C-alpha cells in the first residue's frame, strides 16, 4: 500500500473519531445545560491573537480534508508535487514520525473530551460545574489544546508544504485563551484550582 494512501486512511479514521466524540459531547452537554442555571457569565476571549486560534484550526481541518481527497482521488500522483511543497530528506521516515505525533494528538484530544464529559470550561459555567482533574487533566491543565498542537505539528511532515505551516499561528491564540480560562477557573474554584495549578503544568507535565 502506498504511504500516501496509508496516511490518508489513518487521517480519515482520526477525523471520524474526532468529530463523532465531539458531536456526542455537544449533544450530551446541551441536554444537561438545559436543566441547570448558569453559575456566572464571564466575558469570553477576543482579539486578533485569539481569532488566529479558530482560523488556524479551521484551516488545519480544511487542509487535512484536501490532502485526503487528493490522495484518494488520484488527482495528482501525490500531494508532495503540488505547488509550495517543501522537499525534505528521508521523507518516508519523517512521515512515520508525523503519523506518530498526529496519532498522539488526536488520542490526547479525544481522551480529554471523554474525560471532562459535560464539564468543559465555558464562559457561562453552570452551577453544578466540577473541576476536572482526572484523565489527562491529572498531568496537564490543557490537554485538548496540547492535542491540537501535536496535530498541527504532526501534519507538517505528512504533507510538507508552506500552507501546512499556517495553522501553527493558532498556537499563540490558544495559549492566550488558556490564561483567560485559568482566570475564570480560579474565580470559580478558588484555592482548589490554585492547588491544581501547583500540581500540574499548562502543557507539559510537572515531574
Protein backbone atom coordinates (compact mmCIF):
# COMPACT_ATOMS: atom_id res chain seq x y z
CA UNK A 1 0.00 0.00 0.00
CA UNK A 2 1.45 3.43 -0.95
CA UNK A 3 2.40 5.55 2.05
CA UNK A 4 0.08 8.36 0.91
CA UNK A 5 -2.93 6.02 0.98
CA UNK A 6 -1.89 4.75 4.41
CA UNK A 7 -1.61 8.31 5.72
CA UNK A 8 -4.97 9.31 4.25
CA UNK A 9 -6.68 6.22 5.68
CA UNK A 10 -5.20 6.98 9.10
CA UNK A 11 -6.29 10.63 8.91
CA UNK A 12 -9.81 9.61 7.85
CA UNK A 13 -10.13 7.37 10.91
CA UNK A 14 -8.78 10.15 13.14
CA UNK A 15 -11.25 12.68 11.72
CA UNK A 16 -14.15 10.27 12.13
CA UNK A 17 -13.31 9.64 15.78
CA UNK A 18 -12.66 13.34 16.42
CA UNK A 19 -15.99 14.57 15.07
CA UNK A 20 -18.01 11.66 16.49
CA UNK A 21 -16.73 12.22 20.03
CA UNK A 22 -17.21 15.98 19.79
CA UNK A 23 -20.75 15.65 18.44
CA UNK A 24 -21.69 13.21 21.19
CA UNK A 25 -20.26 15.52 23.83
CA UNK A 26 -22.04 18.59 22.43
CA UNK A 27 -25.41 16.82 22.38
CA UNK A 28 -24.84 15.50 25.89
CA UNK A 29 -23.86 18.96 27.10
CA UNK A 30 -26.97 20.60 25.65
CA UNK A 31 -29.16 18.04 27.39
CA UNK A 32 -27.68 18.78 30.82
CA UNK A 33 -27.24 22.53 30.36
CA UNK A 34 -30.93 22.97 29.83
CA UNK A 35 -31.54 21.59 33.33
CA UNK A 36 -29.15 23.87 35.24
CA UNK A 37 -28.88 27.59 35.75
CA UNK A 38 -25.64 29.34 34.73
CA UNK A 39 -23.25 29.98 37.59
CA UNK A 40 -21.90 33.20 36.11
CA UNK A 41 -21.28 34.90 32.82
CA UNK A 42 -17.69 35.87 32.12
CA UNK A 43 -16.55 37.81 29.11
CA UNK A 44 -15.02 35.40 26.62
CA UNK A 45 -11.67 35.83 24.91
CA UNK A 46 -11.47 38.14 21.94
CA UNK A 47 -8.97 39.94 19.76
CA UNK A 48 -6.80 39.17 16.77
CA UNK A 49 -4.49 36.69 18.51
CA UNK A 50 -7.43 34.69 19.83
CA UNK A 51 -9.07 34.72 16.39
CA UNK A 52 -5.97 33.05 14.97
CA UNK A 53 -6.75 30.01 17.14
CA UNK A 54 -10.12 29.48 15.47
CA UNK A 55 -8.90 30.33 11.97
CA UNK A 56 -5.76 28.22 12.28
CA UNK A 57 -7.75 25.23 13.48
CA UNK A 58 -10.32 25.62 10.70
CA UNK A 59 -7.54 25.84 8.11
CA UNK A 60 -5.91 22.72 9.54
CA UNK A 61 -9.06 20.63 9.08
CA UNK A 62 -9.58 22.04 5.57
CA UNK A 63 -6.01 21.07 4.70
CA UNK A 64 -6.42 17.56 6.10
CA UNK A 65 -9.66 17.02 4.15
CA UNK A 66 -7.99 18.36 0.99
CA UNK A 67 -5.00 16.06 1.45
CA UNK A 68 -7.25 13.03 1.93
CA UNK A 69 -9.41 13.96 -1.08
CA UNK A 70 -6.42 14.50 -3.38
CA UNK A 71 -4.77 11.26 -2.31
CA UNK A 72 -7.85 9.04 -2.66
CA UNK A 73 -8.99 10.63 -5.93
CA UNK A 74 -5.52 10.39 -7.53
CA UNK A 75 -5.89 13.90 -9.00
CA UNK A 76 -2.10 14.12 -8.78
CA UNK A 77 0.48 11.41 -8.21
CA UNK A 78 0.92 12.64 -4.62
CA UNK A 79 0.23 15.85 -2.66
CA UNK A 80 4.00 16.39 -2.46
CA UNK A 81 4.07 17.51 -6.12
CA UNK A 82 1.60 20.36 -5.52
CA UNK A 83 2.85 23.98 -5.51
CA UNK A 84 4.59 25.33 -2.36
CA UNK A 85 5.77 21.86 -1.37
CA UNK A 86 8.87 21.58 0.83
CA UNK A 87 11.46 18.97 -0.07
CA UNK A 88 12.58 17.01 2.98
CA UNK A 89 15.32 14.36 3.20
CA UNK A 90 14.28 10.84 4.25
CA UNK A 91 10.64 11.83 3.72
CA UNK A 92 9.19 8.37 4.48
CA UNK A 93 10.92 8.22 7.89
CA UNK A 94 9.84 11.77 8.73
CA UNK A 95 6.26 10.99 7.69
CA UNK A 96 6.20 7.99 10.04
CA UNK A 97 7.23 10.33 12.86
CA UNK A 98 4.47 12.70 11.73
CA UNK A 99 1.95 9.85 11.88
CA UNK A 100 3.02 9.06 15.43
CA UNK A 101 2.73 12.70 16.50
CA UNK A 102 -0.64 13.07 14.77
CA UNK A 103 -1.95 9.91 16.41
CA UNK A 104 -0.82 11.17 19.81
CA UNK A 105 -2.53 14.50 19.18
CA UNK A 106 -5.89 13.01 18.22
CA UNK A 107 -5.72 10.43 21.03
CA UNK A 108 -4.94 13.09 23.63
CA UNK A 109 -7.70 15.38 22.38
CA UNK A 110 -10.31 12.60 22.32
CA UNK A 111 -9.20 11.36 25.74
CA UNK A 112 -9.60 14.85 27.18
CA UNK A 113 -13.09 15.26 25.67
CA UNK A 114 -14.20 11.91 27.09
CA UNK A 115 -12.61 12.62 30.49
CA UNK A 116 -14.19 16.02 31.01
CA UNK A 117 -17.60 14.96 29.70
CA UNK A 118 -20.00 17.86 30.13
CA UNK A 119 -17.61 19.78 32.38
CA UNK A 120 -15.73 21.63 29.66
CA UNK A 121 -14.63 25.13 30.60
CA UNK A 122 -17.07 27.68 29.19
CA UNK A 123 -17.71 31.35 29.68
CA UNK A 124 -21.12 30.55 31.17
CA UNK A 125 -20.46 27.72 33.59
CA UNK A 126 -23.44 26.03 35.21
CA UNK A 127 -23.96 25.81 38.94
CA UNK A 128 -23.10 22.11 39.04
CA UNK A 129 -19.83 22.52 37.16
CA UNK A 130 -16.95 20.44 38.52
CA UNK A 131 -13.21 20.97 38.26
CA UNK A 132 -11.86 18.17 36.07
CA UNK A 133 -8.62 16.77 37.50
CA UNK A 134 -8.75 13.19 36.19
CA UNK A 135 -7.73 11.52 32.93
CA UNK A 136 -5.17 13.60 31.02
CA UNK A 137 -6.05 16.55 33.28
CA UNK A 138 -4.16 14.71 36.00
CA UNK A 139 -0.95 15.61 34.15
CA UNK A 140 -1.58 18.88 32.27
CA UNK A 141 -4.22 21.57 32.61
CA UNK A 142 -4.99 21.95 28.90
CA UNK A 143 -4.62 18.53 27.25
CA UNK A 144 -7.10 19.26 24.45
CA UNK A 145 -5.08 22.28 23.31
CA UNK A 146 -1.88 20.23 23.57
CA UNK A 147 -3.62 17.67 21.37
CA UNK A 148 -4.27 20.38 18.78
CA UNK A 149 -0.61 21.45 18.88
CA UNK A 150 0.52 17.87 18.20
CA UNK A 151 -2.00 17.59 15.34
CA UNK A 152 -0.73 20.81 13.74
CA UNK A 153 2.93 19.84 14.12
CA UNK A 154 2.39 16.23 13.07
CA UNK A 155 0.65 17.16 9.82
CA UNK A 156 3.63 19.17 8.54
CA UNK A 157 5.84 16.11 7.83
CA UNK A 158 2.82 14.24 6.45
CA UNK A 159 2.34 16.96 3.84
CA UNK A 160 5.43 19.19 3.80
CA UNK A 161 4.01 22.35 2.28
CA UNK A 162 4.14 26.04 3.11
CA UNK A 163 0.39 26.12 3.80
CA UNK A 164 0.64 23.41 6.46
CA UNK A 165 2.79 25.81 8.49
CA UNK A 166 -0.04 28.36 8.72
CA UNK A 167 -2.12 26.52 11.38
CA UNK A 168 0.85 26.93 13.74
CA UNK A 169 -0.36 30.53 14.11
CA UNK A 170 -3.18 29.09 16.22
CA UNK A 171 -0.75 28.10 18.99
CA UNK A 172 -0.24 31.65 20.38
CA UNK A 173 -4.01 32.13 20.21
CA UNK A 174 -4.74 29.01 22.24
CA UNK A 175 -2.01 29.94 24.70
CA UNK A 176 -3.67 33.32 25.20
CA UNK A 177 -7.03 31.60 25.74
CA UNK A 178 -5.56 29.43 28.49
CA UNK A 179 -4.64 32.49 30.56
CA UNK A 180 -8.23 33.73 30.42
CA UNK A 181 -9.66 30.28 31.09
CA UNK A 182 -7.44 29.87 34.13
CA UNK A 183 -8.51 33.26 35.46
CA UNK A 184 -12.13 32.13 35.10
CA UNK A 185 -11.46 28.79 36.80
CA UNK A 186 -9.58 30.45 39.64
CA UNK A 187 -12.54 32.77 40.15
CA UNK A 188 -14.93 29.81 40.16
CA UNK A 189 -12.97 27.28 42.24
CA UNK A 190 -10.55 29.44 44.25
CA UNK A 191 -7.98 27.54 46.33
CA UNK A 192 -8.98 24.23 44.77
CA UNK A 193 -7.86 25.46 41.37
CA UNK A 194 -4.72 27.16 42.69
CA UNK A 195 -3.67 23.86 44.28
CA UNK A 196 -4.38 22.10 40.98
CA UNK A 197 -2.17 24.65 39.20
CA UNK A 198 0.69 23.89 41.58
CA UNK A 199 0.47 20.17 40.79
CA UNK A 200 0.23 20.36 37.01
CA UNK A 201 1.84 22.10 34.06
CA UNK A 202 -0.05 24.13 31.48
CA UNK A 203 1.02 21.96 28.53
CA UNK A 204 3.97 19.94 29.89
CA UNK A 205 3.61 17.61 32.91
CA UNK A 206 5.45 18.52 36.10
CA UNK A 207 7.80 15.83 37.35
